[in-house]
Structure formats: C-alpha cells, structure tokens
Amino acid sequence: LAQGVLFRLRLLTPQAMAPKRSAGASSQGPKAKVARKTAPVDPVDRAVGAVLSAIKRCEVQEEQQRLLVETCPIALRTLASNRHLFAAQVFGWAQQLLAEYGSAVAEKDAKAKSVVGAVDDRRSEAAKVKGAAEATVADCQAKLSAAKEARHQAQEELKARSAEL
C-alpha cells in the first residue's frame, strides 16, 4: 500500500508532469503543418477490392451480386488449402463469373474494333471518291477556263472584223 501511494506521489511531482507553455512560446506563431502519413495498404486488401469492383460491374442478378460481394472477401483472403467447402464454392462462382465477364468484355472489344475497322474502310473509300470528285472538278474548271478564253478570243476577233467592215 505504501509503495502504491509513493508511486502516485511520484507521478504528481513537477518532474513527472508535462512542462507548461511559456508566454513566449505562444507568440512565436502557429507551428508548421506536417503532412499526415497514409497507412500502407495491404496488397491483399487492394486485390480483394479490385475483385469486388469487377464483380459489381458484372451484369448479374442483384441477389447473386450481393451474395458474392458479401462472401468473396472471406474466400479470397483464405488460402486454397484452408478454405471451407462453402468458401471454395464462393471462390469458384466468383472465378466463373469473372471469366464470363472477361469473355463478354473481349467480345464487345472485338465487335468495337471491327466497327472501327469498317468505319476506317468507309472513310478511306470516301477519301478516294472525294479525290476523284476533286480531280473531275479541277478538269471541268480547266475546260471552263479554256472555253471562256476561247469565247473571249472569239469576241475580240468579232470586234476586230466588225471594225474592219
């Protein structure tokens, strides 16, 4: 009992208490702000988050999606050798869903690339037609210019002959 009292008294002594701020310390201004350190992110948590994000983007029934989103983290964080039968089944469902989603995305990507290819082909055909049309217009303008020049010369010749008469 006496030791407990001595211990408590020692805690209350001025040496054990935190030093008080002096009046000069407050006039120095605010301290510089220090950037907070972010806690390191566990790579497993990052991977689980990526899988859950992918599951949320899949086009499945809401109940299936909710079941996988709620149970997948447990299945993904457990080693394959230690997984319970249900966790292994959830892992298999998620794997199947993501494989189907990946193939659907790849199929949409292939379709989009084929559409882009078709548009590029039509664009090049249009450029060829435009080039041919521009060449035809240039030829017609050259013929028109030659016809105007011939008309002008004919009018000059007509004026000269009229003046002779």
C-alpha atoms as a PDB file:
ATOM      1  CA  LEU A   1       0.000   0.000   0.000  1.00  0.00           C
ATOM      2  CA  ALA A   2       2.804   2.380   0.876  1.00  0.00           C
ATOM      3  CA  GLN A   3       4.533   1.679  -2.411  1.00  0.00           C
ATOM      4  CA  GLY A   4       1.309   2.457  -4.345  1.00  0.00           C
ATOM      5  CA  VAL A   5       0.997   5.797  -2.552  1.00  0.00           C
ATOM      6  CA  LEU A   6       4.641   6.639  -3.256  1.00  0.00           C
ATOM      7  CA  PHE A   7       4.161   5.747  -6.885  1.00  0.00           C
ATOM      8  CA  ARG A   8       1.141   8.036  -7.156  1.00  0.00           C
ATOM      9  CA  LEU A   9       3.010  10.845  -5.446  1.00  0.00           C
ATOM     10  CA  ARG A  10       5.924  10.413  -7.807  1.00  0.00           C
ATOM     11  CA  LEU A  11       3.527  10.827 -10.776  1.00  0.00           C
ATOM     12  CA  LEU A  12       2.286  14.115  -9.379  1.00  0.00           C
ATOM     13  CA  THR A  13       5.729  15.649  -8.876  1.00  0.00           C
ATOM     14  CA  PRO A  14       6.687  18.548 -11.165  1.00  0.00           C
ATOM     15  CA  GLN A  15       9.398  16.465 -12.884  1.00  0.00           C
ATOM     16  CA  ALA A  16       6.859  13.856 -13.971  1.00  0.00           C
ATOM     17  CA  MET A  17       4.264  16.339 -15.180  1.00  0.00           C
ATOM     18  CA  ALA A  18       4.373  17.813 -18.662  1.00  0.00           C
ATOM     19  CA  PRO A  19       6.063  21.225 -18.861  1.00  0.00           C
ATOM     20  CA  LYS A  20       3.773  24.215 -19.105  1.00  0.00           C
ATOM     21  CA  ARG A  21       3.910  26.501 -22.093  1.00  0.00           C
ATOM     22  CA  SER A  22       5.631  29.762 -21.540  1.00  0.00           C
ATOM     23  CA  ALA A  23       4.206  33.077 -22.679  1.00  0.00           C
ATOM     24  CA  GLY A  24       6.985  33.424 -25.283  1.00  0.00           C
ATOM     25  CA  ALA A  25       6.120  30.145 -26.928  1.00  0.00           C
ATOM     26  CA  SER A  26       2.634  31.290 -27.905  1.00  0.00           C
ATOM     27  CA  SER A  27       3.930  34.482 -29.521  1.00  0.00           C
ATOM     28  CA  GLN A  28       6.065  32.524 -31.981  1.00  0.00           C
ATOM     29  CA  GLY A  29       3.072  31.802 -34.164  1.00  0.00           C
ATOM     30  CA  PRO A  30       1.479  28.592 -35.269  1.00  0.00           C
ATOM     31  CA  LYS A  31       3.632  25.559 -35.911  1.00  0.00           C
ATOM     32  CA  ALA A  32       4.191  24.365 -39.447  1.00  0.00           C
ATOM     33  CA  LYS A  33       1.715  21.760 -40.578  1.00  0.00           C
ATOM     34  CA  VAL A  34       3.095  18.316 -41.102  1.00  0.00           C
ATOM     35  CA  ALA A  35       1.665  16.099 -43.811  1.00  0.00           C
ATOM     36  CA  ARG A  36      -0.150  13.099 -42.469  1.00  0.00           C
ATOM     37  CA  LYS A  37       1.343   9.782 -43.250  1.00  0.00           C
ATOM     38  CA  THR A  38      -1.025   7.450 -45.014  1.00  0.00           C
ATOM     39  CA  ALA A  39      -1.244   3.976 -43.682  1.00  0.00           C
ATOM     40  CA  PRO A  40       0.261   1.401 -46.018  1.00  0.00           C
ATOM     41  CA  VAL A  41      -2.354  -0.518 -47.987  1.00  0.00           C
ATOM     42  CA  ASP A  42      -2.248  -4.271 -47.726  1.00  0.00           C
ATOM     43  CA  PRO A  43      -1.809  -5.810 -51.231  1.00  0.00           C
ATOM     44  CA  VAL A  44      -4.383  -8.474 -50.380  1.00  0.00           C
ATOM     45  CA  ASP A  45      -6.930  -5.787 -49.468  1.00  0.00           C
ATOM     46  CA  ARG A  46      -6.143  -3.988 -52.728  1.00  0.00           C
ATOM     47  CA  ALA A  47      -6.638  -7.209 -54.728  1.00  0.00           C
ATOM     48  CA  VAL A  48      -9.872  -8.050 -52.896  1.00  0.00           C
ATOM     49  CA  GLY A  49     -11.129  -4.531 -53.621  1.00  0.00           C
ATOM     50  CA  ALA A  50     -10.296  -4.931 -57.314  1.00  0.00           C
ATOM     51  CA  VAL A  51     -12.160  -8.245 -57.472  1.00  0.00           C
ATOM     52  CA  LEU A  52     -15.191  -6.783 -55.701  1.00  0.00           C
ATOM     53  CA  SER A  53     -15.162  -3.816 -58.062  1.00  0.00           C
ATOM     54  CA  ALA A  54     -15.111  -6.168 -61.041  1.00  0.00           C
ATOM     55  CA  ILE A  55     -17.971  -8.208 -59.580  1.00  0.00           C
ATOM     56  CA  LYS A  56     -20.015  -5.030 -59.159  1.00  0.00           C
ATOM     57  CA  ARG A  57     -19.511  -4.217 -62.865  1.00  0.00           C
ATOM     58  CA  CYS A  58     -20.762  -7.649 -63.967  1.00  0.00           C
ATOM     59  CA  GLU A  59     -24.255  -7.924 -65.329  1.00  0.00           C
ATOM     60  CA  VAL A  60     -25.848 -10.446 -62.953  1.00  0.00           C
ATOM     61  CA  GLN A  61     -28.915 -10.595 -60.758  1.00  0.00           C
ATOM     62  CA  GLU A  62     -28.793  -8.334 -57.730  1.00  0.00           C
ATOM     63  CA  GLU A  63     -29.055 -11.254 -55.287  1.00  0.00           C
ATOM     64  CA  GLN A  64     -26.108 -13.071 -56.869  1.00  0.00           C
ATOM     65  CA  GLN A  65     -24.032  -9.928 -56.878  1.00  0.00           C
ATOM     66  CA  ARG A  66     -24.843  -9.153 -53.229  1.00  0.00           C
ATOM     67  CA  LEU A  67     -24.026 -12.738 -52.211  1.00  0.00           C
ATOM     68  CA  LEU A  68     -20.652 -12.625 -53.937  1.00  0.00           C
ATOM     69  CA  VAL A  69     -19.783  -9.140 -52.679  1.00  0.00           C
ATOM     70  CA  GLU A  70     -20.537 -10.150 -49.092  1.00  0.00           C
ATOM     71  CA  THR A  71     -18.858 -13.576 -49.128  1.00  0.00           C
ATOM     72  CA  CYS A  72     -15.961 -13.151 -51.529  1.00  0.00           C
ATOM     73  CA  PRO A  73     -13.643 -11.264 -49.181  1.00  0.00           C
ATOM     74  CA  ILE A  74     -13.590 -14.222 -46.789  1.00  0.00           C
ATOM     75  CA  ALA A  75     -12.992 -16.706 -49.595  1.00  0.00           C
ATOM     76  CA  LEU A  76     -10.313 -14.571 -51.221  1.00  0.00           C
ATOM     77  CA  ARG A  77      -8.381 -13.957 -48.011  1.00  0.00           C
ATOM     78  CA  THR A  78      -8.264 -17.674 -47.151  1.00  0.00           C
ATOM     79  CA  LEU A  79      -5.588 -19.899 -48.653  1.00  0.00           C
ATOM     80  CA  ALA A  80      -6.942 -22.534 -51.023  1.00  0.00           C
ATOM     81  CA  SER A  81      -5.787 -25.374 -48.775  1.00  0.00           C
ATOM     82  CA  ASN A  82      -7.574 -23.878 -45.748  1.00  0.00           C
ATOM     83  CA  ARG A  83     -10.864 -22.958 -47.441  1.00  0.00           C
ATOM     84  CA  HIS A  84     -14.095 -24.385 -46.151  1.00  0.00           C
ATOM     85  CA  LEU A  85     -16.324 -26.077 -48.729  1.00  0.00           C
ATOM     86  CA  PHE A  86     -18.624 -23.042 -48.918  1.00  0.00           C
ATOM     87  CA  ALA A  87     -15.691 -20.635 -49.288  1.00  0.00           C
ATOM     88  CA  ALA A  88     -14.288 -22.798 -52.088  1.00  0.00           C
ATOM     89  CA  GLN A  89     -17.695 -22.789 -53.780  1.00  0.00           C
ATOM     90  CA  VAL A  90     -17.927 -18.980 -53.495  1.00  0.00           C
ATOM     91  CA  PHE A  91     -14.432 -18.673 -54.932  1.00  0.00           C
ATOM     92  CA  GLY A  92     -15.455 -20.913 -57.856  1.00  0.00           C
ATOM     93  CA  TRP A  93     -18.580 -18.841 -58.520  1.00  0.00           C
ATOM     94  CA  ALA A  94     -16.577 -15.629 -58.499  1.00  0.00           C
ATOM     95  CA  GLN A  95     -13.970 -17.152 -60.780  1.00  0.00           C
ATOM     96  CA  GLN A  96     -16.654 -18.354 -63.222  1.00  0.00           C
ATOM     97  CA  LEU A  97     -18.472 -15.003 -63.160  1.00  0.00           C
ATOM     98  CA  LEU A  98     -15.282 -13.049 -63.801  1.00  0.00           C
ATOM     99  CA  ALA A  99     -14.249 -15.421 -66.599  1.00  0.00           C
ATOM    100  CA  GLU A 100     -17.642 -14.922 -68.275  1.00  0.00           C
ATOM    101  CA  TYR A 101     -17.369 -11.175 -67.743  1.00  0.00           C
ATOM    102  CA  GLY A 102     -13.876 -11.174 -69.236  1.00  0.00           C
ATOM    103  CA  SER A 103     -15.007 -13.090 -72.318  1.00  0.00           C
ATOM    104  CA  ALA A 104     -18.010 -10.765 -72.732  1.00  0.00           C
ATOM    105  CA  VAL A 105     -15.736  -7.734 -72.500  1.00  0.00           C
ATOM    106  CA  ALA A 106     -13.334  -9.285 -75.006  1.00  0.00           C
ATOM    107  CA  GLU A 107     -16.259  -9.990 -77.359  1.00  0.00           C
ATOM    108  CA  LYS A 108     -17.511  -6.407 -77.069  1.00  0.00           C
ATOM    109  CA  ASP A 109     -13.960  -5.182 -77.677  1.00  0.00           C
ATOM    110  CA  ALA A 110     -13.669  -7.315 -80.817  1.00  0.00           C
ATOM    111  CA  LYS A 111     -17.021  -6.007 -82.091  1.00  0.00           C
ATOM    112  CA  ALA A 112     -15.978  -2.434 -81.406  1.00  0.00           C
ATOM    113  CA  LYS A 113     -12.687  -2.956 -83.228  1.00  0.00           C
ATOM    114  CA  SER A 114     -14.500  -4.447 -86.228  1.00  0.00           C
ATOM    115  CA  VAL A 115     -16.881  -1.466 -86.308  1.00  0.00           C
ATOM    116  CA  VAL A 116     -13.935   0.909 -86.108  1.00  0.00           C
ATOM    117  CA  GLY A 117     -12.255  -1.035 -88.930  1.00  0.00           C
ATOM    118  CA  ALA A 118     -15.400  -0.789 -91.064  1.00  0.00           C
ATOM    119  CA  VAL A 119     -15.629   2.953 -90.398  1.00  0.00           C
ATOM    120  CA  ASP A 120     -11.974   3.365 -91.348  1.00  0.00           C
ATOM    121  CA  ASP A 121     -12.584   1.430 -94.586  1.00  0.00           C
ATOM    122  CA  ARG A 122     -15.575   3.600 -95.453  1.00  0.00           C
ATOM    123  CA  ARG A 123     -13.562   6.700 -94.599  1.00  0.00           C
ATOM    124  CA  SER A 124     -10.784   5.656 -96.978  1.00  0.00           C
ATOM    125  CA  GLU A 125     -13.354   4.895 -99.706  1.00  0.00           C
ATOM    126  CA  ALA A 126     -14.905   8.327 -99.150  1.00  0.00           C
ATOM    127  CA  ALA A 127     -11.465   9.910 -99.381  1.00  0.00           C
ATOM    128  CA  LYS A 128     -10.888   8.157-102.727  1.00  0.00           C
ATOM    129  CA  VAL A 129     -14.281   9.312-104.038  1.00  0.00           C
ATOM    130  CA  LYS A 130     -13.541  12.833-102.807  1.00  0.00           C
ATOM    131  CA  GLY A 131     -10.177  12.781-104.566  1.00  0.00           C
ATOM    132  CA  ALA A 132     -11.785  11.613-107.807  1.00  0.00           C
ATOM    133  CA  ALA A 133     -14.508  14.274-107.499  1.00  0.00           C
ATOM    134  CA  GLU A 134     -11.901  16.973-106.851  1.00  0.00           C
ATOM    135  CA  ALA A 135      -9.954  15.819-109.928  1.00  0.00           C
ATOM    136  CA  THR A 136     -13.161  15.958-112.001  1.00  0.00           C
ATOM    137  CA  VAL A 137     -13.953  19.437-110.682  1.00  0.00           C
ATOM    138  CA  ALA A 138     -10.412  20.592-111.492  1.00  0.00           C
ATOM    139  CA  ASP A 139     -10.740  19.150-115.034  1.00  0.00           C
ATOM    140  CA  CYS A 140     -14.118  20.852-115.507  1.00  0.00           C
ATOM    141  CA  GLN A 141     -12.717  24.149-114.240  1.00  0.00           C
ATOM    142  CA  ALA A 142      -9.813  23.853-116.672  1.00  0.00           C
ATOM    143  CA  LYS A 143     -12.258  23.183-119.548  1.00  0.00           C
ATOM    144  CA  LEU A 144     -14.433  26.104-118.438  1.00  0.00           C
ATOM    145  CA  SER A 145     -11.420  28.370-118.275  1.00  0.00           C
ATOM    146  CA  ALA A 146     -10.363  27.266-121.772  1.00  0.00           C
ATOM    147  CA  ALA A 147     -13.912  27.825-123.069  1.00  0.00           C
ATOM    148  CA  LYS A 148     -14.012  31.308-121.519  1.00  0.00           C
ATOM    149  CA  GLU A 149     -10.656  32.108-123.095  1.00  0.00           C
ATOM    150  CA  ALA A 150     -11.872  30.847-126.491  1.00  0.00           C
ATOM    151  CA  ARG A 151     -15.058  32.912-126.133  1.00  0.00           C
ATOM    152  CA  HIS A 152     -13.033  35.977-125.188  1.00  0.00           C
ATOM    153  CA  GLN A 153     -10.770  35.492-128.234  1.00  0.00           C
ATOM    154  CA  ALA A 154     -13.816  34.979-130.466  1.00  0.00           C
ATOM    155  CA  GLN A 155     -15.371  38.212-129.166  1.00  0.00           C
ATOM    156  CA  GLU A 156     -12.096  40.095-129.756  1.00  0.00           C
ATOM    157  CA  GLU A 157     -11.886  38.692-133.258  1.00  0.00           C
ATOM    158  CA  LEU A 158     -15.536  39.631-133.870  1.00  0.00           C
ATOM    159  CA  LYS A 159     -14.852  43.208-132.724  1.00  0.00           C
ATOM    160  CA  ALA A 160     -11.794  43.413-134.959  1.00  0.00           C
ATOM    161  CA  ARG A 161     -13.734  42.203-138.011  1.00  0.00           C
ATOM    162  CA  SER A 162     -16.665  44.486-137.188  1.00  0.00           C
ATOM    163  CA  ALA A 163     -14.301  47.398-137.053  1.00  0.00           C
ATOM    164  CA  GLU A 164     -12.925  46.457-140.498  1.00  0.00           C
ATOM    165  CA  LEU A 165     -16.361  46.492-142.008  1.00  0.00           C
END
